[in-house]
């Protein structure tokens, strides 16, 4: 079994790849930013992670989005809709949740097709 882990640590890996499918999670690095700023950071980080695994945003298969307040959903959706190429939006779930750090407004988990080893 060939599982590839990018930047593994004792608690998590930046991405885990198996059978041409990458799994990864993104949170904002600058948590002082508002929802717009945190979503912008997460999507930029996701783009960088996708590039590391030989993929791009058109190959995202599914995303689970965790938000702390549905009042921010319009801000999230505006950026989300603009980020994906036409016709490439993945399946998606959006869940209201209490996140590990109160300064996180949003967290996203991605599953994407990528280059197999």
PDB file of N, CA and C in Angstrom:
ATOM      1  N   UNK A   1       0.858  -1.170   0.000  1.00  0.00           N
ATOM      2  CA  UNK A   1       0.000   0.000   0.000  1.00  0.00           C
ATOM      3  C   UNK A   1       0.906   1.236   0.000  1.00  0.00           C
ATOM      4  N   UNK A   2       0.658   2.150  -0.939  1.00  0.00           N
ATOM      5  CA  UNK A   2       1.485   3.335  -1.062  1.00  0.00           C
ATOM      6  C   UNK A   2       0.694   4.573  -0.637  1.00  0.00           C
ATOM      7  N   UNK A   3       0.958   5.033   0.585  1.00  0.00           N
ATOM      8  CA  UNK A   3       0.343   6.257   1.101  1.00  0.00           C
ATOM      9  C   UNK A   3       1.439   7.308   1.195  1.00  0.00           C
ATOM     10  N   UNK A   4       1.203   8.459   0.584  1.00  0.00           N
ATOM     11  CA  UNK A   4       2.180   9.550   0.624  1.00  0.00           C
ATOM     12  C   UNK A   4       1.654  10.635   1.556  1.00  0.00           C
ATOM     13  N   UNK A   5       2.515  11.075   2.475  1.00  0.00           N
ATOM     14  CA  UNK A   5       2.137  12.131   3.420  1.00  0.00           C
ATOM     15  C   UNK A   5       3.069  13.328   3.213  1.00  0.00           C
ATOM     16  N   UNK A   6       2.482  14.498   3.076  1.00  0.00           N
ATOM     17  CA  UNK A   6       3.265  15.719   2.904  1.00  0.00           C
ATOM     18  C   UNK A   6       3.386  16.407   4.254  1.00  0.00           C
ATOM     19  N   UNK A   7       4.623  16.662   4.654  1.00  0.00           N
ATOM     20  CA  UNK A   7       4.932  17.315   5.937  1.00  0.00           C
ATOM     21  C   UNK A   7       4.233  16.660   7.120  1.00  0.00           C
ATOM     22  N   UNK A   8       4.450  15.360   7.320  1.00  0.00           N
ATOM     23  CA  UNK A   8       3.801  14.707   8.455  1.00  0.00           C
ATOM     24  C   UNK A   8       4.368  15.196   9.789  1.00  0.00           C
ATOM     25  N   UNK A   9       3.502  15.293  10.764  1.00  0.00           N
ATOM     26  CA  UNK A   9       3.902  15.618  12.132  1.00  0.00           C
ATOM     27  C   UNK A   9       3.227  14.583  13.031  1.00  0.00           C
ATOM     28  N   UNK A  10       3.507  14.607  14.314  1.00  0.00           N
ATOM     29  CA  UNK A  10       2.850  13.632  15.196  1.00  0.00           C
ATOM     30  C   UNK A  10       1.320  13.738  15.197  1.00  0.00           C
ATOM     31  N   UNK A  11       0.778  14.934  14.900  1.00  0.00           N
ATOM     32  CA  UNK A  11      -0.664  15.137  14.993  1.00  0.00           C
ATOM     33  C   UNK A  11      -1.374  15.117  13.644  1.00  0.00           C
ATOM     34  N   UNK A  12      -0.745  15.584  12.573  1.00  0.00           N
ATOM     35  CA  UNK A  12      -1.377  15.606  11.243  1.00  0.00           C
ATOM     36  C   UNK A  12      -0.328  15.752  10.158  1.00  0.00           C
ATOM     37  N   UNK A  13      -0.767  15.541   8.924  1.00  0.00           N
ATOM     38  CA  UNK A  13       0.041  15.796   7.730  1.00  0.00           C
ATOM     39  C   UNK A  13      -0.628  16.929   6.969  1.00  0.00           C
ATOM     40  N   UNK A  14       0.173  17.707   6.233  1.00  0.00           N
ATOM     41  CA  UNK A  14      -0.417  18.785   5.437  1.00  0.00           C
ATOM     42  C   UNK A  14      -1.351  18.223   4.370  1.00  0.00           C
ATOM     43  N   UNK A  15      -0.999  17.066   3.828  1.00  0.00           N
ATOM     44  CA  UNK A  15      -1.870  16.368   2.865  1.00  0.00           C
ATOM     45  C   UNK A  15      -1.530  14.891   2.916  1.00  0.00           C
ATOM     46  N   UNK A  16      -2.529  14.075   2.621  1.00  0.00           N
ATOM     47  CA  UNK A  16      -2.339  12.632   2.551  1.00  0.00           C
ATOM     48  C   UNK A  16      -2.875  12.179   1.192  1.00  0.00           C
ATOM     49  N   UNK A  17      -2.044  11.429   0.453  1.00  0.00           N
ATOM     50  CA  UNK A  17      -2.412  10.995  -0.885  1.00  0.00           C
ATOM     51  C   UNK A  17      -2.435   9.475  -0.947  1.00  0.00           C
ATOM     52  N   UNK A  18      -3.525   8.943  -1.513  1.00  0.00           N
ATOM     53  CA  UNK A  18      -3.651   7.501  -1.697  1.00  0.00           C
ATOM     54  C   UNK A  18      -4.443   7.253  -2.979  1.00  0.00           C
ATOM     55  N   UNK A  19      -3.920   6.387  -3.836  1.00  0.00           N
ATOM     56  CA  UNK A  19      -4.600   6.018  -5.084  1.00  0.00           C
ATOM     57  C   UNK A  19      -5.039   7.220  -5.915  1.00  0.00           C
ATOM     58  N   UNK A  20      -4.186   8.244  -5.994  1.00  0.00           N
ATOM     59  CA  UNK A  20      -4.499   9.410  -6.819  1.00  0.00           C
ATOM     60  C   UNK A  20      -5.539  10.340  -6.240  1.00  0.00           C
ATOM     61  N   UNK A  21      -5.805  10.217  -4.932  1.00  0.00           N
ATOM     62  CA  UNK A  21      -6.756  11.100  -4.245  1.00  0.00           C
ATOM     63  C   UNK A  21      -6.031  11.764  -3.079  1.00  0.00           C
ATOM     64  N   UNK A  22      -6.078  13.080  -3.051  1.00  0.00           N
ATOM     65  CA  UNK A  22      -5.443  13.858  -1.980  1.00  0.00           C
ATOM     66  C   UNK A  22      -6.505  14.336  -0.993  1.00  0.00           C
ATOM     67  N   UNK A  23      -6.167  14.272   0.283  1.00  0.00           N
ATOM     68  CA  UNK A  23      -7.024  14.761   1.361  1.00  0.00           C
ATOM     69  C   UNK A  23      -6.224  15.804   2.141  1.00  0.00           C
ATOM     70  N   UNK A  24      -6.820  16.962   2.376  1.00  0.00           N
ATOM     71  CA  UNK A  24      -6.119  17.979   3.176  1.00  0.00           C
ATOM     72  C   UNK A  24      -7.112  18.957   3.781  1.00  0.00           C
ATOM     73  N   UNK A  25      -6.638  19.672   4.799  1.00  0.00           N
ATOM     74  CA  UNK A  25      -7.456  20.633   5.548  1.00  0.00           C
ATOM     75  C   UNK A  25      -6.738  21.968   5.531  1.00  0.00           C
ATOM     76  N   UNK A  26      -7.508  23.032   5.407  1.00  0.00           N
ATOM     77  CA  UNK A  26      -6.922  24.375   5.443  1.00  0.00           C
ATOM     78  C   UNK A  26      -7.653  25.245   6.460  1.00  0.00           C
ATOM     79  N   UNK A  27      -6.869  26.015   7.204  1.00  0.00           N
ATOM     80  CA  UNK A  27      -7.379  27.050   8.110  1.00  0.00           C
ATOM     81  C   UNK A  27      -6.576  28.315   7.830  1.00  0.00           C
ATOM     82  N   UNK A  28      -7.108  29.436   8.206  1.00  0.00           N
ATOM     83  CA  UNK A  28      -6.403  30.706   7.994  1.00  0.00           C
ATOM     84  C   UNK A  28      -5.182  30.799   8.896  1.00  0.00           C
ATOM     85  N   UNK A  29      -4.105  31.340   8.348  1.00  0.00           N
ATOM     86  CA  UNK A  29      -2.911  31.551   9.177  1.00  0.00           C
ATOM     87  C   UNK A  29      -3.049  32.832   9.994  1.00  0.00           C
ATOM     88  N   UNK A  30      -3.644  33.859   9.394  1.00  0.00           N
ATOM     89  CA  UNK A  30      -3.874  35.113  10.100  1.00  0.00           C
ATOM     90  C   UNK A  30      -5.324  35.119  10.579  1.00  0.00           C
ATOM     91  N   UNK A  31      -5.514  34.693  11.811  1.00  0.00           N
ATOM     92  CA  UNK A  31      -6.872  34.572  12.344  1.00  0.00           C
ATOM     93  C   UNK A  31      -7.437  35.903  12.833  1.00  0.00           C
ATOM     94  N   UNK A  32      -6.651  36.976  12.716  1.00  0.00           N
ATOM     95  CA  UNK A  32      -7.201  38.295  13.050  1.00  0.00           C
ATOM     96  C   UNK A  32      -8.044  38.826  11.886  1.00  0.00           C
ATOM     97  N   UNK A  33      -7.954  38.174  10.733  1.00  0.00           N
ATOM     98  CA  UNK A  33      -8.725  38.598   9.556  1.00  0.00           C
ATOM     99  C   UNK A  33     -10.204  38.293   9.743  1.00  0.00           C
ATOM    100  N   UNK A  34     -11.035  39.069   9.054  1.00  0.00           N
ATOM    101  CA  UNK A  34     -12.475  38.806   9.061  1.00  0.00           C
ATOM    102  C   UNK A  34     -12.775  37.611   8.154  1.00  0.00           C
ATOM    103  N   UNK A  35     -14.047  37.281   7.989  1.00  0.00           N
ATOM    104  CA  UNK A  35     -14.431  36.108   7.202  1.00  0.00           C
ATOM    105  C   UNK A  35     -13.883  36.195   5.777  1.00  0.00           C
ATOM    106  N   UNK A  36     -14.002  37.340   5.149  1.00  0.00           N
ATOM    107  CA  UNK A  36     -13.490  37.517   3.790  1.00  0.00           C
ATOM    108  C   UNK A  36     -11.997  37.195   3.743  1.00  0.00           C
ATOM    109  N   UNK A  37     -11.251  37.734   4.680  1.00  0.00           N
ATOM    110  CA  UNK A  37      -9.809  37.507   4.724  1.00  0.00           C
ATOM    111  C   UNK A  37      -9.448  36.062   5.005  1.00  0.00           C
ATOM    112  N   UNK A  38     -10.193  35.408   5.907  1.00  0.00           N
ATOM    113  CA  UNK A  38      -9.892  34.007   6.220  1.00  0.00           C
ATOM    114  C   UNK A  38     -10.210  33.098   5.044  1.00  0.00           C
ATOM    115  N   UNK A  39     -11.329  33.327   4.356  1.00  0.00           N
ATOM    116  CA  UNK A  39     -11.661  32.506   3.192  1.00  0.00           C
ATOM    117  C   UNK A  39     -10.616  32.718   2.101  1.00  0.00           C
ATOM    118  N   UNK A  40     -10.215  33.955   1.885  1.00  0.00           N
ATOM    119  CA  UNK A  40      -9.195  34.262   0.870  1.00  0.00           C
ATOM    120  C   UNK A  40      -7.898  33.508   1.164  1.00  0.00           C
ATOM    121  N   UNK A  41      -7.477  33.517   2.415  1.00  0.00           N
ATOM    122  CA  UNK A  41      -6.265  32.791   2.810  1.00  0.00           C
ATOM    123  C   UNK A  41      -6.411  31.293   2.563  1.00  0.00           C
ATOM    124  N   UNK A  42      -7.541  30.740   2.976  1.00  0.00           N
ATOM    125  CA  UNK A  42      -7.761  29.300   2.846  1.00  0.00           C
ATOM    126  C   UNK A  42      -7.740  28.874   1.383  1.00  0.00           C
ATOM    127  N   UNK A  43      -8.390  29.632   0.520  1.00  0.00           N
ATOM    128  CA  UNK A  43      -8.407  29.269  -0.893  1.00  0.00           C
ATOM    129  C   UNK A  43      -7.021  29.395  -1.524  1.00  0.00           C
ATOM    130  N   UNK A  44      -6.247  30.397  -1.115  1.00  0.00           N
ATOM    131  CA  UNK A  44      -4.871  30.529  -1.612  1.00  0.00           C
ATOM    132  C   UNK A  44      -4.015  29.362  -1.126  1.00  0.00           C
ATOM    133  N   UNK A  45      -4.175  28.984   0.131  1.00  0.00           N
ATOM    134  CA  UNK A  45      -3.428  27.850   0.683  1.00  0.00           C
ATOM    135  C   UNK A  45      -3.842  26.553  -0.013  1.00  0.00           C
ATOM    136  N   UNK A  46      -5.131  26.400  -0.278  1.00  0.00           N
ATOM    137  CA  UNK A  46      -5.610  25.205  -0.975  1.00  0.00           C
ATOM    138  C   UNK A  46      -4.989  25.130  -2.365  1.00  0.00           C
ATOM    139  N   UNK A  47      -4.906  26.248  -3.043  1.00  0.00           N
ATOM    140  CA  UNK A  47      -4.288  26.277  -4.373  1.00  0.00           C
ATOM    141  C   UNK A  47      -2.834  25.820  -4.290  1.00  0.00           C
ATOM    142  N   UNK A  48      -2.108  26.268  -3.273  1.00  0.00           N
ATOM    143  CA  UNK A  48      -0.707  25.865  -3.092  1.00  0.00           C
ATOM    144  C   UNK A  48      -0.610  24.368  -2.783  1.00  0.00           C
ATOM    145  N   UNK A  49      -1.483  23.863  -1.936  1.00  0.00           N
ATOM    146  CA  UNK A  49      -1.470  22.434  -1.606  1.00  0.00           C
ATOM    147  C   UNK A  49      -1.811  21.606  -2.841  1.00  0.00           C
ATOM    148  N   UNK A  50      -2.801  22.037  -3.601  1.00  0.00           N
ATOM    149  CA  UNK A  50      -3.150  21.325  -4.830  1.00  0.00           C
ATOM    150  C   UNK A  50      -1.960  21.257  -5.779  1.00  0.00           C
ATOM    151  N   UNK A  51      -1.226  22.338  -5.905  1.00  0.00           N
ATOM    152  CA  UNK A  51      -0.037  22.348  -6.774  1.00  0.00           C
ATOM    153  C   UNK A  51       1.013  21.355  -6.269  1.00  0.00           C
ATOM    154  N   UNK A  52       1.186  21.270  -4.950  1.00  0.00           N
ATOM    155  CA  UNK A  52       2.160  20.331  -4.368  1.00  0.00           C
ATOM    156  C   UNK A  52       1.837  18.879  -4.704  1.00  0.00           C
ATOM    157  N   UNK A  53       0.552  18.572  -4.862  1.00  0.00           N
ATOM    158  CA  UNK A  53       0.155  17.186  -5.129  1.00  0.00           C
ATOM    159  C   UNK A  53      -0.128  16.947  -6.614  1.00  0.00           C
ATOM    160  N   UNK A  54       0.219  17.915  -7.455  1.00  0.00           N
ATOM    161  CA  UNK A  54       0.030  17.754  -8.890  1.00  0.00           C
ATOM    162  C   UNK A  54      -1.417  17.868  -9.316  1.00  0.00           C
ATOM    163  N   UNK A  55      -2.135  18.831  -8.720  1.00  0.00           N
ATOM    164  CA  UNK A  55      -3.551  18.997  -9.016  1.00  0.00           C
ATOM    165  C   UNK A  55      -3.862  20.481  -9.143  1.00  0.00           C
ATOM    166  N   UNK A  56      -5.124  20.796  -9.319  1.00  0.00           N
ATOM    167  CA  UNK A  56      -5.576  22.188  -9.345  1.00  0.00           C
ATOM    168  C   UNK A  56      -7.038  22.250  -8.928  1.00  0.00           C
ATOM    169  N   UNK A  57      -7.563  23.438  -8.824  1.00  0.00           N
ATOM    170  CA  UNK A  57      -8.922  23.616  -8.294  1.00  0.00           C
ATOM    171  C   UNK A  57     -10.000  22.948  -9.139  1.00  0.00           C
ATOM    172  N   UNK A  58      -9.737  22.707 -10.408  1.00  0.00           N
ATOM    173  CA  UNK A  58     -10.737  22.030 -11.242  1.00  0.00           C
ATOM    174  C   UNK A  58     -10.844  20.538 -10.915  1.00  0.00           C
ATOM    175  N   UNK A  59      -9.904  20.021 -10.115  1.00  0.00           N
ATOM    176  CA  UNK A  59      -9.897  18.601  -9.756  1.00  0.00           C
ATOM    177  C   UNK A  59     -10.368  18.329  -8.330  1.00  0.00           C
ATOM    178  N   UNK A  60     -10.891  19.361  -7.662  1.00  0.00           N
ATOM    179  CA  UNK A  60     -11.435  19.152  -6.314  1.00  0.00           C
ATOM    180  C   UNK A  60     -12.719  18.338  -6.448  1.00  0.00           C
ATOM    181  N   UNK A  61     -12.785  17.241  -5.710  1.00  0.00           N
ATOM    182  CA  UNK A  61     -13.935  16.336  -5.774  1.00  0.00           C
ATOM    183  C   UNK A  61     -15.012  16.685  -4.757  1.00  0.00           C
ATOM    184  N   UNK A  62     -14.576  17.034  -3.542  1.00  0.00           N
ATOM    185  CA  UNK A  62     -15.539  17.398  -2.506  1.00  0.00           C
ATOM    186  C   UNK A  62     -14.858  18.270  -1.461  1.00  0.00           C
ATOM    187  N   UNK A  63     -15.679  19.044  -0.784  1.00  0.00           N
ATOM    188  CA  UNK A  63     -15.187  19.914   0.287  1.00  0.00           C
ATOM    189  C   UNK A  63     -16.226  19.932   1.400  1.00  0.00           C
ATOM    190  N   UNK A  64     -15.735  19.852   2.627  1.00  0.00           N
ATOM    191  CA  UNK A  64     -16.586  20.086   3.784  1.00  0.00           C
ATOM    192  C   UNK A  64     -16.120  21.396   4.397  1.00  0.00           C
ATOM    193  N   UNK A  65     -17.051  22.300   4.587  1.00  0.00           N
ATOM    194  CA  UNK A  65     -16.742  23.626   5.117  1.00  0.00           C
ATOM    195  C   UNK A  65     -17.387  23.745   6.490  1.00  0.00           C
ATOM    196  N   UNK A  66     -16.583  24.150   7.451  1.00  0.00           N
ATOM    197  CA  UNK A  66     -17.055  24.353   8.819  1.00  0.00           C
ATOM    198  C   UNK A  66     -17.030  25.858   9.081  1.00  0.00           C
ATOM    199  N   UNK A  67     -18.159  26.437   9.406  1.00  0.00           N
ATOM    200  CA  UNK A  67     -18.238  27.864   9.709  1.00  0.00           C
ATOM    201  C   UNK A  67     -18.787  28.035  11.124  1.00  0.00           C
ATOM    202  N   UNK A  68     -18.380  29.109  11.762  1.00  0.00           N
ATOM    203  CA  UNK A  68     -18.839  29.349  13.126  1.00  0.00           C
ATOM    204  C   UNK A  68     -20.151  30.118  13.164  1.00  0.00           C
ATOM    205  N   UNK A  69     -20.498  30.775  12.048  1.00  0.00           N
ATOM    206  CA  UNK A  69     -21.706  31.589  12.028  1.00  0.00           C
ATOM    207  C   UNK A  69     -22.249  31.635  10.597  1.00  0.00           C
ATOM    208  N   UNK A  70     -23.459  31.144  10.399  1.00  0.00           N
ATOM    209  CA  UNK A  70     -24.054  31.151   9.059  1.00  0.00           C
ATOM    210  C   UNK A  70     -24.327  32.568   8.546  1.00  0.00           C
ATOM    211  N   UNK A  71     -24.212  33.574   9.392  1.00  0.00           N
ATOM    212  CA  UNK A  71     -24.344  34.957   8.933  1.00  0.00           C
ATOM    213  C   UNK A  71     -23.239  35.307   7.941  1.00  0.00           C
ATOM    214  N   UNK A  72     -22.133  34.543   7.970  1.00  0.00           N
ATOM    215  CA  UNK A  72     -21.006  34.781   7.062  1.00  0.00           C
ATOM    216  C   UNK A  72     -21.113  34.004   5.752  1.00  0.00           C
ATOM    217  N   UNK A  73     -22.181  33.264   5.576  1.00  0.00           N
ATOM    218  CA  UNK A  73     -22.305  32.370   4.420  1.00  0.00           C
ATOM    219  C   UNK A  73     -22.259  33.115   3.082  1.00  0.00           C
ATOM    220  N   UNK A  74     -22.872  34.270   2.983  1.00  0.00           N
ATOM    221  CA  UNK A  74     -22.868  35.028   1.725  1.00  0.00           C
ATOM    222  C   UNK A  74     -21.443  35.422   1.329  1.00  0.00           C
ATOM    223  N   UNK A  75     -20.629  35.824   2.308  1.00  0.00           N
ATOM    224  CA  UNK A  75     -19.227  36.190   2.043  1.00  0.00           C
ATOM    225  C   UNK A  75     -18.469  34.973   1.542  1.00  0.00           C
ATOM    226  N   UNK A  76     -18.652  33.851   2.207  1.00  0.00           N
ATOM    227  CA  UNK A  76     -18.016  32.606   1.804  1.00  0.00           C
ATOM    228  C   UNK A  76     -18.434  32.225   0.383  1.00  0.00           C
ATOM    229  N   UNK A  77     -19.734  32.213   0.118  1.00  0.00           N
ATOM    230  CA  UNK A  77     -20.236  31.777  -1.179  1.00  0.00           C
ATOM    231  C   UNK A  77     -19.747  32.661  -2.328  1.00  0.00           C
ATOM    232  N   UNK A  78     -19.647  33.950  -2.096  1.00  0.00           N
ATOM    233  CA  UNK A  78     -19.173  34.864  -3.139  1.00  0.00           C
ATOM    234  C   UNK A  78     -17.754  34.491  -3.582  1.00  0.00           C
ATOM    235  N   UNK A  79     -16.877  34.277  -2.614  1.00  0.00           N
ATOM    236  CA  UNK A  79     -15.491  33.914  -2.940  1.00  0.00           C
ATOM    237  C   UNK A  79     -15.403  32.504  -3.501  1.00  0.00           C
ATOM    238  N   UNK A  80     -16.168  31.595  -2.938  1.00  0.00           N
ATOM    239  CA  UNK A  80     -16.203  30.200  -3.382  1.00  0.00           C
ATOM    240  C   UNK A  80     -16.593  30.122  -4.853  1.00  0.00           C
ATOM    241  N   UNK A  81     -17.699  30.794  -5.205  1.00  0.00           N
ATOM    242  CA  UNK A  81     -18.197  30.763  -6.578  1.00  0.00           C
ATOM    243  C   UNK A  81     -17.180  31.327  -7.565  1.00  0.00           C
ATOM    244  N   UNK A  82     -16.462  32.359  -7.160  1.00  0.00           N
ATOM    245  CA  UNK A  82     -15.466  32.983  -8.041  1.00  0.00           C
ATOM    246  C   UNK A  82     -14.196  32.133  -8.167  1.00  0.00           C
ATOM    247  N   UNK A  83     -13.912  31.293  -7.180  1.00  0.00           N
ATOM    248  CA  UNK A  83     -12.657  30.532  -7.152  1.00  0.00           C
ATOM    249  C   UNK A  83     -12.660  29.363  -8.126  1.00  0.00           C
ATOM    250  N   UNK A  84     -13.788  28.708  -8.296  1.00  0.00           N
ATOM    251  CA  UNK A  84     -13.840  27.523  -9.159  1.00  0.00           C
ATOM    252  C   UNK A  84     -14.099  27.909 -10.603  1.00  0.00           C
ATOM    253  N   UNK A  85     -13.415  27.230 -11.530  1.00  0.00           N
ATOM    254  CA  UNK A  85     -13.729  27.447 -12.948  1.00  0.00           C
ATOM    255  C   UNK A  85     -15.179  27.028 -13.221  1.00  0.00           C
ATOM    256  N   UNK A  86     -15.788  27.647 -14.204  1.00  0.00           N
ATOM    257  CA  UNK A  86     -17.177  27.333 -14.574  1.00  0.00           C
ATOM    258  C   UNK A  86     -17.353  25.820 -14.759  1.00  0.00           C
ATOM    259  N   UNK A  87     -18.367  25.278 -14.121  1.00  0.00           N
ATOM    260  CA  UNK A  87     -18.687  23.866 -14.269  1.00  0.00           C
ATOM    261  C   UNK A  87     -17.828  22.914 -13.446  1.00  0.00           C
ATOM    262  N   UNK A  88     -16.971  23.436 -12.559  1.00  0.00           N
ATOM    263  CA  UNK A  88     -16.053  22.578 -11.796  1.00  0.00           C
ATOM    264  C   UNK A  88     -16.318  22.571 -10.298  1.00  0.00           C
ATOM    265  N   UNK A  89     -17.436  23.122  -9.856  1.00  0.00           N
ATOM    266  CA  UNK A  89     -17.707  23.121  -8.409  1.00  0.00           C
ATOM    267  C   UNK A  89     -17.846  21.679  -7.920  1.00  0.00           C
ATOM    268  N   UNK A  90     -17.194  21.349  -6.796  1.00  0.00           N
ATOM    269  CA  UNK A  90     -17.272  19.984  -6.264  1.00  0.00           C
ATOM    270  C   UNK A  90     -18.538  19.782  -5.439  1.00  0.00           C
ATOM    271  N   UNK A  91     -18.754  18.549  -4.999  1.00  0.00           N
ATOM    272  CA  UNK A  91     -19.802  18.338  -4.007  1.00  0.00           C
ATOM    273  C   UNK A  91     -19.330  19.041  -2.733  1.00  0.00           C
ATOM    274  N   UNK A  92     -20.283  19.503  -1.944  1.00  0.00           N
ATOM    275  CA  UNK A  92     -19.909  20.340  -0.810  1.00  0.00           C
ATOM    276  C   UNK A  92     -20.919  20.193   0.313  1.00  0.00           C
ATOM    277  N   UNK A  93     -20.396  20.211   1.538  1.00  0.00           N
ATOM    278  CA  UNK A  93     -21.240  20.302   2.724  1.00  0.00           C
ATOM    279  C   UNK A  93     -20.759  21.512   3.511  1.00  0.00           C
ATOM    280  N   UNK A  94     -21.684  22.219   4.100  1.00  0.00           N
ATOM    281  CA  UNK A  94     -21.334  23.380   4.921  1.00  0.00           C
ATOM    282  C   UNK A  94     -22.014  23.194   6.271  1.00  0.00           C
ATOM    283  N   UNK A  95     -21.206  23.146   7.312  1.00  0.00           N
ATOM    284  CA  UNK A  95     -21.676  22.810   8.649  1.00  0.00           C
ATOM    285  C   UNK A  95     -21.334  23.943   9.610  1.00  0.00           C
ATOM    286  N   UNK A  96     -22.284  24.308  10.454  1.00  0.00           N
ATOM    287  CA  UNK A  96     -22.000  25.261  11.523  1.00  0.00           C
ATOM    288  C   UNK A  96     -21.372  24.484  12.671  1.00  0.00           C
ATOM    289  N   UNK A  97     -20.207  24.965  13.132  1.00  0.00           N
ATOM    290  CA  UNK A  97     -19.475  24.225  14.157  1.00  0.00           C
ATOM    291  C   UNK A  97     -18.679  25.167  15.047  1.00  0.00           C
ATOM    292  N   UNK A  98     -18.392  24.685  16.228  1.00  0.00           N
ATOM    293  CA  UNK A  98     -17.439  25.365  17.103  1.00  0.00           C
ATOM    294  C   UNK A  98     -16.067  24.812  16.727  1.00  0.00           C
ATOM    295  N   UNK A  99     -15.152  25.688  16.331  1.00  0.00           N
ATOM    296  CA  UNK A  99     -13.833  25.240  15.886  1.00  0.00           C
ATOM    297  C   UNK A  99     -12.846  25.251  17.046  1.00  0.00           C
ATOM    298  N   UNK A 100     -11.709  24.597  16.863  1.00  0.00           N
ATOM    299  CA  UNK A 100     -10.726  24.387  17.932  1.00  0.00           C
ATOM    300  C   UNK A 100     -10.212  25.683  18.540  1.00  0.00           C
ATOM    301  N   UNK A 101     -10.113  26.730  17.740  1.00  0.00           N
ATOM    302  CA  UNK A 101      -9.632  28.030  18.210  1.00  0.00           C
ATOM    303  C   UNK A 101     -10.761  29.034  17.957  1.00  0.00           C
ATOM    304  N   UNK A 102     -11.168  29.799  18.955  1.00  0.00           N
ATOM    305  CA  UNK A 102     -12.286  30.736  18.773  1.00  0.00           C
ATOM    306  C   UNK A 102     -12.023  31.812  17.710  1.00  0.00           C
ATOM    307  N   UNK A 103     -10.759  32.015  17.332  1.00  0.00           N
ATOM    308  CA  UNK A 103     -10.475  33.021  16.306  1.00  0.00           C
ATOM    309  C   UNK A 103     -10.663  32.469  14.889  1.00  0.00           C
ATOM    310  N   UNK A 104     -10.800  31.156  14.746  1.00  0.00           N
ATOM    311  CA  UNK A 104     -11.114  30.576  13.441  1.00  0.00           C
ATOM    312  C   UNK A 104     -12.578  30.855  13.126  1.00  0.00           C
ATOM    313  N   UNK A 105     -12.820  31.402  11.951  1.00  0.00           N
ATOM    314  CA  UNK A 105     -14.193  31.627  11.502  1.00  0.00           C
ATOM    315  C   UNK A 105     -14.634  30.548  10.520  1.00  0.00           C
ATOM    316  N   UNK A 106     -13.657  29.881   9.896  1.00  0.00           N
ATOM    317  CA  UNK A 106     -13.951  28.887   8.873  1.00  0.00           C
ATOM    318  C   UNK A 106     -12.790  27.907   8.760  1.00  0.00           C
ATOM    319  N   UNK A 107     -13.104  26.672   8.445  1.00  0.00           N
ATOM    320  CA  UNK A 107     -12.116  25.620   8.206  1.00  0.00           C
ATOM    321  C   UNK A 107     -12.662  24.777   7.064  1.00  0.00           C
ATOM    322  N   UNK A 108     -11.782  24.332   6.175  1.00  0.00           N
ATOM    323  CA  UNK A 108     -12.236  23.545   5.025  1.00  0.00           C
ATOM    324  C   UNK A 108     -11.412  22.282   4.859  1.00  0.00           C
ATOM    325  N   UNK A 109     -12.096  21.170   4.599  1.00  0.00           N
ATOM    326  CA  UNK A 109     -11.430  19.926   4.241  1.00  0.00           C
ATOM    327  C   UNK A 109     -11.675  19.672   2.759  1.00  0.00           C
ATOM    328  N   UNK A 110     -10.621  19.303   2.056  1.00  0.00           N
ATOM    329  CA  UNK A 110     -10.687  19.089   0.609  1.00  0.00           C
ATOM    330  C   UNK A 110     -10.329  17.647   0.262  1.00  0.00           C
ATOM    331  N   UNK A 111     -10.964  17.139  -0.762  1.00  0.00           N
ATOM    332  CA  UNK A 111     -10.615  15.861  -1.379  1.00  0.00           C
ATOM    333  C   UNK A 111     -10.463  16.182  -2.854  1.00  0.00           C
ATOM    334  N   UNK A 112      -9.309  15.814  -3.433  1.00  0.00           N
ATOM    335  CA  UNK A 112      -9.054  16.164  -4.837  1.00  0.00           C
ATOM    336  C   UNK A 112      -8.339  15.028  -5.560  1.00  0.00           C
ATOM    337  N   UNK A 113      -8.651  14.896  -6.838  1.00  0.00           N
ATOM    338  CA  UNK A 113      -7.906  13.985  -7.692  1.00  0.00           C
ATOM    339  C   UNK A 113      -6.526  14.600  -7.919  1.00  0.00           C
ATOM    340  N   UNK A 114      -5.490  13.762  -7.928  1.00  0.00           N
ATOM    341  CA  UNK A 114      -4.136  14.278  -8.108  1.00  0.00           C
ATOM    342  C   UNK A 114      -3.294  13.263  -8.883  1.00  0.00           C
ATOM    343  N   UNK A 115      -2.068  13.631  -9.151  1.00  0.00           N
ATOM    344  CA  UNK A 115      -1.159  12.756  -9.878  1.00  0.00           C
ATOM    345  C   UNK A 115      -0.793  11.568  -8.990  1.00  0.00           C
ATOM    346  N   UNK A 116      -1.004  10.352  -9.484  1.00  0.00           N
ATOM    347  CA  UNK A 116      -0.596   9.188  -8.691  1.00  0.00           C
ATOM    348  C   UNK A 116       0.925   9.097  -8.652  1.00  0.00           C
ATOM    349  N   UNK A 117       1.417   8.423  -7.658  1.00  0.00           N
ATOM    350  CA  UNK A 117       2.872   8.230  -7.515  1.00  0.00           C
ATOM    351  C   UNK A 117       3.423   7.424  -8.646  1.00  0.00           C
TER     352      UNK A 117
END
